[in-house]
């Protein structure tokens, strides 16, 4: 028997960064995101030889270990090891023997929530195999704890919930790691129009998001008013974007994205750079009404809203920068698991 799972990556449409502590703990955060047809995948095949094989297919990394209660966190596929360690600690209380294979449709550091989505996906495969008593909120919170507490990886809270729930969600973040996911019922023609008009562009660069996120958190601790006010405005942006999409006022999306981008750049150093600024300016010069970098910033994916018939002109302009435009659709389902 093989236990399989997949979960969708996401784009953050508004409010990005307000899910990061300590801002979300002090002021509360709000984010609007949507999952897309790019995925993280995991397969678990039980073994009987006392070995654990961890295979990251897209990274071309494989390690073979003896089955133990705790695997060493030593820089080699630590994300996979950290999940196993927590599964044993919280649920099985005994070593397991298996082959775990993973694959992600986007590279690490691309801004689509790849690491958190992969954690959710692997937890889903373990849950399918071991029949773990995890609801959607339980699984997303466990994924968050593994990344942020067990492995000390800097980041926010939205990605784990987006991958688990799927669809278009307005998320609210409170202190004590409390999260409320509000699924939005968007008319299909609005989603189709948004998918057509939002151009997703990969810059062919990646970045270490933890550095930017740590700088953002330091600004909150230091009471940097410029940075904190920018986050307040991004929280406002999430509400504006939710209202525009629900009402079908899609012509406002670019303007709201542009408003958010101007504020996001004030949150911390490293969010933008000369290359990103040139790409953004070129897209707007050819018809895009706004856009934003996906994730923490510094590289990875950027997306632009291209109203009416401006999409082809913007795509052509982006070709000059050597990146790739990625086709996608919005998805309505989150984590999916099955056995075969």
Protein backbone atom coordinates (compact mmCIF):
# COMPACT_ATOMS: atom_id res chain seq x y z
CA UNK A 1 0.00 0.00 0.00
CA UNK A 2 1.21 3.50 -0.85
CA UNK A 3 -0.16 6.48 1.06
CA UNK A 4 -0.28 9.65 -1.02
CA UNK A 5 -1.14 13.28 -0.50
CA UNK A 6 -1.03 16.62 -2.25
CA UNK A 7 -1.73 20.20 -1.21
CA UNK A 8 -1.88 23.39 -3.28
CA UNK A 9 0.52 26.32 -3.20
CA UNK A 10 -0.92 29.80 -2.75
CA UNK A 11 -0.63 33.41 -3.76
CA UNK A 12 -1.17 36.06 -1.12
CA UNK A 13 -3.52 38.64 -2.58
CA UNK A 14 -3.49 41.09 0.33
CA UNK A 15 -2.34 41.57 3.92
CA UNK A 16 0.95 39.70 3.54
CA UNK A 17 3.21 39.98 6.59
CA UNK A 18 0.48 40.74 9.11
CA UNK A 19 0.41 37.04 10.02
CA UNK A 20 3.97 37.22 11.36
CA UNK A 21 4.66 37.48 15.09
CA UNK A 22 4.98 39.68 17.02
CA UNK A 23 2.77 41.95 14.88
CA UNK A 24 -0.11 39.46 14.74
CA UNK A 25 0.11 38.87 18.50
CA UNK A 26 0.04 42.57 19.37
CA UNK A 27 -2.24 44.07 16.74
CA UNK A 28 -3.95 41.10 15.07
CA UNK A 29 -3.45 40.25 11.41
CA UNK A 30 -5.62 39.74 8.34
CA UNK A 31 -4.75 38.14 5.01
CA UNK A 32 -6.57 37.26 1.83
CA UNK A 33 -5.01 34.41 -0.13
CA UNK A 34 -5.97 31.91 -2.81
CA UNK A 35 -4.63 28.47 -3.66
CA UNK A 36 -3.51 27.71 -7.20
CA UNK A 37 -2.98 24.64 -9.36
CA UNK A 38 0.64 24.10 -8.33
CA UNK A 39 1.19 21.48 -5.65
CA UNK A 40 3.39 19.76 -3.12
CA UNK A 41 3.22 15.96 -3.20
CA UNK A 42 4.18 13.24 -0.72
CA UNK A 43 4.20 9.43 -0.90
CA UNK A 44 4.81 7.08 2.02
CA UNK A 45 5.62 3.41 1.47
CA UNK A 46 5.89 1.38 4.71
CA UNK A 47 9.02 -0.78 5.05
CA UNK A 48 9.88 -3.82 7.15
CA UNK A 49 13.69 -3.57 7.19
CA UNK A 50 14.14 -1.01 9.98
CA UNK A 51 15.21 1.74 7.58
CA UNK A 52 13.93 5.22 6.84
CA UNK A 53 14.49 6.53 3.32
CA UNK A 54 13.88 10.24 2.74
CA UNK A 55 13.82 11.25 -0.91
CA UNK A 56 13.29 14.84 -2.08
CA UNK A 57 12.80 14.25 -5.79
CA UNK A 58 12.81 17.87 -6.94
CA UNK A 59 15.96 18.66 -4.95
CA UNK A 60 17.67 15.40 -6.01
CA UNK A 61 18.48 14.55 -2.40
CA UNK A 62 18.08 11.15 -0.75
CA UNK A 63 19.26 9.88 2.61
CA UNK A 64 18.94 6.47 4.25
CA UNK A 65 18.74 6.25 8.04
CA UNK A 66 18.17 3.61 10.68
CA UNK A 67 14.72 3.77 12.21
CA UNK A 68 15.01 5.67 15.49
CA UNK A 69 12.78 7.57 17.89
CA UNK A 70 14.46 10.83 16.90
CA UNK A 71 16.30 11.72 13.70
CA UNK A 72 19.19 14.22 13.85
CA UNK A 73 18.53 17.77 12.67
CA UNK A 74 21.80 18.33 10.84
CA UNK A 75 21.06 20.27 7.68
CA UNK A 76 20.09 17.27 5.54
CA UNK A 77 16.36 17.22 4.71
CA UNK A 78 15.63 18.66 8.15
CA UNK A 79 12.05 19.56 7.22
CA UNK A 80 11.24 15.90 6.58
CA UNK A 81 13.06 14.78 9.72
CA UNK A 82 11.34 17.35 11.88
CA UNK A 83 7.92 16.12 10.79
CA UNK A 84 8.86 12.51 11.53
CA UNK A 85 10.20 13.45 14.95
CA UNK A 86 6.94 15.19 15.87
CA UNK A 87 4.81 12.29 14.58
CA UNK A 88 6.72 9.84 16.78
CA UNK A 89 6.67 12.18 19.79
CA UNK A 90 2.95 13.01 19.64
CA UNK A 91 1.36 9.89 18.16
CA UNK A 92 3.25 6.62 17.68
CA UNK A 93 5.79 6.76 20.55
CA UNK A 94 7.81 4.17 18.64
CA UNK A 95 10.08 4.25 15.57
CA UNK A 96 8.64 3.82 12.09
CA UNK A 97 10.16 2.33 8.95
CA UNK A 98 9.18 3.76 5.57
CA UNK A 99 10.19 5.50 2.37
CA UNK A 100 9.02 9.10 2.09
CA UNK A 101 9.21 10.73 -1.35
CA UNK A 102 8.33 14.38 -1.93
CA UNK A 103 8.04 16.76 -4.86
CA UNK A 104 7.05 20.43 -5.13
CA UNK A 105 5.98 22.21 -8.31
CA UNK A 106 7.90 25.39 -7.36
CA UNK A 107 11.42 25.80 -5.96
CA UNK A 108 12.16 26.77 -2.34
CA UNK A 109 12.28 30.51 -1.76
CA UNK A 110 9.87 31.25 -4.60
CA UNK A 111 7.25 32.96 -2.43
CA UNK A 112 4.36 30.53 -2.94
CA UNK A 113 4.52 28.96 0.51
CA UNK A 114 6.43 25.87 -0.62
CA UNK A 115 7.95 24.84 2.73
CA UNK A 116 4.74 25.11 4.72
CA UNK A 117 2.72 23.43 1.99
CA UNK A 118 5.20 20.56 1.95
CA UNK A 119 4.88 20.15 5.73
CA UNK A 120 1.08 20.00 5.41
CA UNK A 121 1.37 17.48 2.59
CA UNK A 122 3.71 15.18 4.51
CA UNK A 123 1.53 15.39 7.60
CA UNK A 124 -1.40 14.46 5.38
CA UNK A 125 0.39 11.34 4.14
CA UNK A 126 1.28 10.30 7.70
CA UNK A 127 -2.30 10.98 8.77
CA UNK A 128 -3.61 8.76 5.96
CA UNK A 129 -1.18 5.96 6.87
CA UNK A 130 -1.54 6.10 10.66
CA UNK A 131 -5.16 7.30 10.76
CA UNK A 132 -4.25 10.26 12.94
CA UNK A 133 -7.10 12.17 14.60
CA UNK A 134 -6.36 15.52 12.94
CA UNK A 135 -8.99 17.94 11.71
CA UNK A 136 -8.15 20.79 9.36
CA UNK A 137 -7.33 23.31 12.07
CA UNK A 138 -5.38 20.68 14.05
CA UNK A 139 -3.25 19.71 11.08
CA UNK A 140 -2.52 23.30 10.03
CA UNK A 141 -1.56 24.28 13.59
CA UNK A 142 0.68 21.22 13.95
CA UNK A 143 2.43 22.15 10.69
CA UNK A 144 2.97 25.66 12.06
CA UNK A 145 4.40 24.33 15.33
CA UNK A 146 6.82 22.02 13.55
CA UNK A 147 8.21 24.82 11.40
CA UNK A 148 8.23 27.70 13.84
CA UNK A 149 8.82 25.98 17.20
CA UNK A 150 10.52 22.64 16.53
CA UNK A 151 12.72 23.70 13.61
CA UNK A 152 12.97 27.43 14.49
CA UNK A 153 12.14 28.50 10.94
CA UNK A 154 11.08 32.15 10.71
CA UNK A 155 7.76 32.82 9.01
CA UNK A 156 4.08 33.56 9.35
CA UNK A 157 0.94 31.55 9.88
CA UNK A 158 -1.01 31.80 6.63
CA UNK A 159 0.66 29.16 4.46
CA UNK A 160 -0.19 26.14 6.58
CA UNK A 161 -3.87 27.08 6.66
CA UNK A 162 -4.04 27.93 2.97
CA UNK A 163 -2.60 24.54 2.02
CA UNK A 164 -4.90 22.66 4.39
CA UNK A 165 -8.17 24.44 3.59
CA UNK A 166 -7.64 25.45 -0.05
CA UNK A 167 -9.73 27.96 -1.99
CA UNK A 168 -9.99 31.71 -1.47
CA UNK A 169 -9.83 32.53 2.23
CA UNK A 170 -9.91 35.63 4.40
CA UNK A 171 -7.82 34.71 7.44
CA UNK A 172 -7.68 36.47 10.78
CA UNK A 173 -4.78 36.06 13.20
CA UNK A 174 -4.87 36.70 16.94
CA UNK A 175 -2.57 36.20 19.90
CA UNK A 176 -1.86 32.72 21.29
CA UNK A 177 -1.59 31.45 17.69
CA UNK A 178 -5.35 31.62 17.22
CA UNK A 179 -6.41 31.62 13.56
CA UNK A 180 -9.87 31.87 12.01
CA UNK A 181 -10.25 30.85 8.36
CA UNK A 182 -13.19 32.44 6.56
CA UNK A 183 -13.78 30.73 3.17
CA UNK A 184 -15.13 33.16 0.58
CA UNK A 185 -17.84 32.12 -1.87
CA UNK A 186 -16.63 33.75 -5.06
CA UNK A 187 -18.73 33.53 -8.21
CA UNK A 188 -17.00 31.32 -10.79
CA UNK A 189 -16.94 34.04 -13.45
CA UNK A 190 -15.08 36.34 -11.04
CA UNK A 191 -12.47 33.64 -10.36
CA UNK A 192 -12.10 32.90 -14.06
CA UNK A 193 -11.61 36.58 -14.82
CA UNK A 194 -9.07 36.95 -12.02
CA UNK A 195 -7.10 33.92 -13.19
CA UNK A 196 -7.03 35.36 -16.71
CA UNK A 197 -5.97 38.82 -15.57
CA UNK A 198 -3.44 37.94 -12.86
CA UNK A 199 -0.13 37.18 -14.55
CA UNK A 200 2.14 35.02 -12.39
CA UNK A 201 5.79 35.62 -13.23
CA UNK A 202 8.80 33.72 -11.90
CA UNK A 203 11.92 35.87 -11.76
CA UNK A 204 14.18 32.78 -11.87
CA UNK A 205 15.61 33.90 -8.53
CA UNK A 206 14.98 32.70 -5.00
CA UNK A 207 15.63 34.28 -1.65
CA UNK A 208 16.02 33.35 1.99
CA UNK A 209 12.69 34.64 3.27
CA UNK A 210 13.71 34.13 6.90
CA UNK A 211 16.12 37.08 6.74
CA UNK A 212 13.40 39.47 5.55
CA UNK A 213 10.88 38.11 8.05
CA UNK A 214 13.35 38.43 10.92
CA UNK A 215 13.99 42.07 9.93
CA UNK A 216 10.25 42.70 9.85
CA UNK A 217 9.84 41.20 13.33
CA UNK A 218 12.73 43.27 14.69
CA UNK A 219 11.05 46.42 13.40
CA UNK A 220 7.91 45.60 15.39
CA UNK A 221 9.89 44.85 18.55
CA UNK A 222 11.82 48.11 18.12
CA UNK A 223 8.52 49.98 17.64
CA UNK A 224 9.56 51.26 14.23
CA UNK A 225 6.48 53.33 13.48
CA UNK A 226 7.07 53.46 9.73
CA UNK A 227 7.15 49.67 9.52
CA UNK A 228 4.23 49.15 11.90
CA UNK A 229 2.05 51.69 10.09
CA UNK A 230 2.80 49.90 6.81
CA UNK A 231 1.54 46.66 8.36
CA UNK A 232 -1.61 48.43 9.58
CA UNK A 233 -2.23 49.56 5.99
CA UNK A 234 -1.69 46.03 4.67
CA UNK A 235 -4.29 44.73 7.11
CA UNK A 236 -6.66 47.37 5.73
CA UNK A 237 -5.72 46.22 2.22
CA UNK A 238 -6.92 42.68 3.00
CA UNK A 239 -10.38 43.99 3.88
CA UNK A 240 -10.50 46.16 0.75
CA UNK A 241 -9.50 43.22 -1.45
CA UNK A 242 -12.09 40.92 0.13
CA UNK A 243 -14.87 43.43 -0.50
CA UNK A 244 -13.81 44.10 -4.10
CA UNK A 245 -13.72 40.40 -5.03
CA UNK A 246 -16.97 39.49 -3.28
CA UNK A 247 -18.77 42.36 -5.01
CA UNK A 248 -17.22 41.59 -8.39
CA UNK A 249 -15.51 45.00 -8.50
CA UNK A 250 -12.49 43.45 -10.14
CA UNK A 251 -11.36 46.71 -11.72
CA UNK A 252 -10.24 47.74 -8.21
CA UNK A 253 -7.86 44.79 -7.76
CA UNK A 254 -4.84 46.39 -9.44
CA UNK A 255 -5.21 49.62 -7.50
CA UNK A 256 -5.50 47.69 -4.22
CA UNK A 257 -2.44 45.60 -5.10
CA UNK A 258 -0.47 48.73 -5.91
CA UNK A 259 -1.51 50.30 -2.60
CA UNK A 260 -0.32 47.18 -0.79
CA UNK A 261 2.97 47.02 -2.67
CA UNK A 262 3.87 50.59 -1.75
CA UNK A 263 3.25 49.78 1.90
CA UNK A 264 4.90 46.36 1.85
CA UNK A 265 8.18 47.93 0.78
CA UNK A 266 8.16 49.95 4.01
CA UNK A 267 8.02 46.89 6.27
CA UNK A 268 11.67 45.88 6.08
CA UNK A 269 14.80 46.15 3.97
CA UNK A 270 15.31 43.55 1.24
CA UNK A 271 11.68 43.26 0.15
CA UNK A 272 12.48 44.90 -3.17
CA UNK A 273 15.62 45.52 -5.21
CA UNK A 274 16.61 47.13 -8.49
CA UNK A 275 15.60 44.11 -10.59
CA UNK A 276 12.18 43.84 -8.97
CA UNK A 277 11.57 47.58 -9.32
CA UNK A 278 12.45 47.43 -13.03
CA UNK A 279 10.11 44.47 -13.61
CA UNK A 280 7.29 46.19 -11.73
CA UNK A 281 7.74 49.45 -13.66
CA UNK A 282 7.80 47.64 -17.01
CA UNK A 283 4.61 45.73 -16.23
CA UNK A 284 2.77 48.91 -15.25
CA UNK A 285 4.07 50.74 -18.31
CA UNK A 286 2.50 48.05 -20.52
CA UNK A 287 -0.93 48.00 -18.91
CA UNK A 288 -0.77 46.30 -15.52
CA UNK A 289 -2.75 48.27 -12.95
CA UNK A 290 -0.84 46.88 -9.98
CA UNK A 291 0.99 43.91 -8.58
CA UNK A 292 3.03 42.54 -5.73
CA UNK A 293 5.82 40.16 -4.97
CA UNK A 294 4.60 36.84 -3.64
CA UNK A 295 5.73 35.94 -0.14
CA UNK A 296 8.25 37.83 1.96
CA UNK A 297 9.95 39.55 -0.97
CA UNK A 298 13.43 39.77 -2.41
CA UNK A 299 12.82 37.47 -5.39
CA UNK A 300 10.77 34.47 -6.45
CA UNK A 301 7.33 35.03 -7.99
CA UNK A 302 5.72 38.38 -8.76
CA UNK A 303 2.17 38.76 -10.01
CA UNK A 304 0.41 41.58 -11.81
CA UNK A 305 -3.21 42.45 -12.44
CA UNK A 306 -3.73 43.07 -16.16
CA UNK A 307 -7.26 44.34 -16.83
CA UNK A 308 -9.21 44.19 -20.07
CA UNK A 309 -6.86 43.07 -22.89
CA UNK A 310 -3.51 44.13 -21.46
CA UNK A 311 -2.35 40.64 -20.46
CA UNK A 312 -0.50 39.84 -23.70
CA UNK A 313 1.33 43.19 -23.70
CA UNK A 314 2.48 42.71 -20.12
CA UNK A 315 3.59 39.12 -20.78
CA UNK A 316 5.63 40.27 -23.77
CA UNK A 317 7.25 43.03 -21.72
CA UNK A 318 8.20 40.55 -18.97
CA UNK A 319 9.95 38.29 -21.48
CA UNK A 320 12.78 40.82 -21.67
CA UNK A 321 13.76 40.05 -18.06
CA UNK A 322 14.50 36.37 -18.65
CA UNK A 323 11.92 34.89 -16.29
CA UNK A 324 8.89 32.70 -16.93
CA UNK A 325 5.16 33.35 -16.93
CA UNK A 326 3.42 30.43 -15.23
CA UNK A 327 -0.05 29.28 -16.23
CA UNK A 328 -2.34 28.29 -13.36
CA UNK A 329 -5.95 28.15 -12.20
CA UNK A 330 -7.43 28.90 -8.81
CA UNK A 331 -8.32 25.76 -6.86
CA UNK A 332 -11.18 25.09 -4.50
CA UNK A 333 -9.72 22.14 -2.56
CA UNK A 334 -6.90 21.99 -0.06
CA UNK A 335 -5.04 18.97 1.27
CA UNK A 336 -6.10 15.68 -0.35
CA UNK A 337 -4.98 12.24 0.81
CA UNK A 338 -5.57 8.69 -0.42
CA UNK A 339 -4.14 5.17 -0.37
CA UNK A 340 -3.57 2.82 -3.30
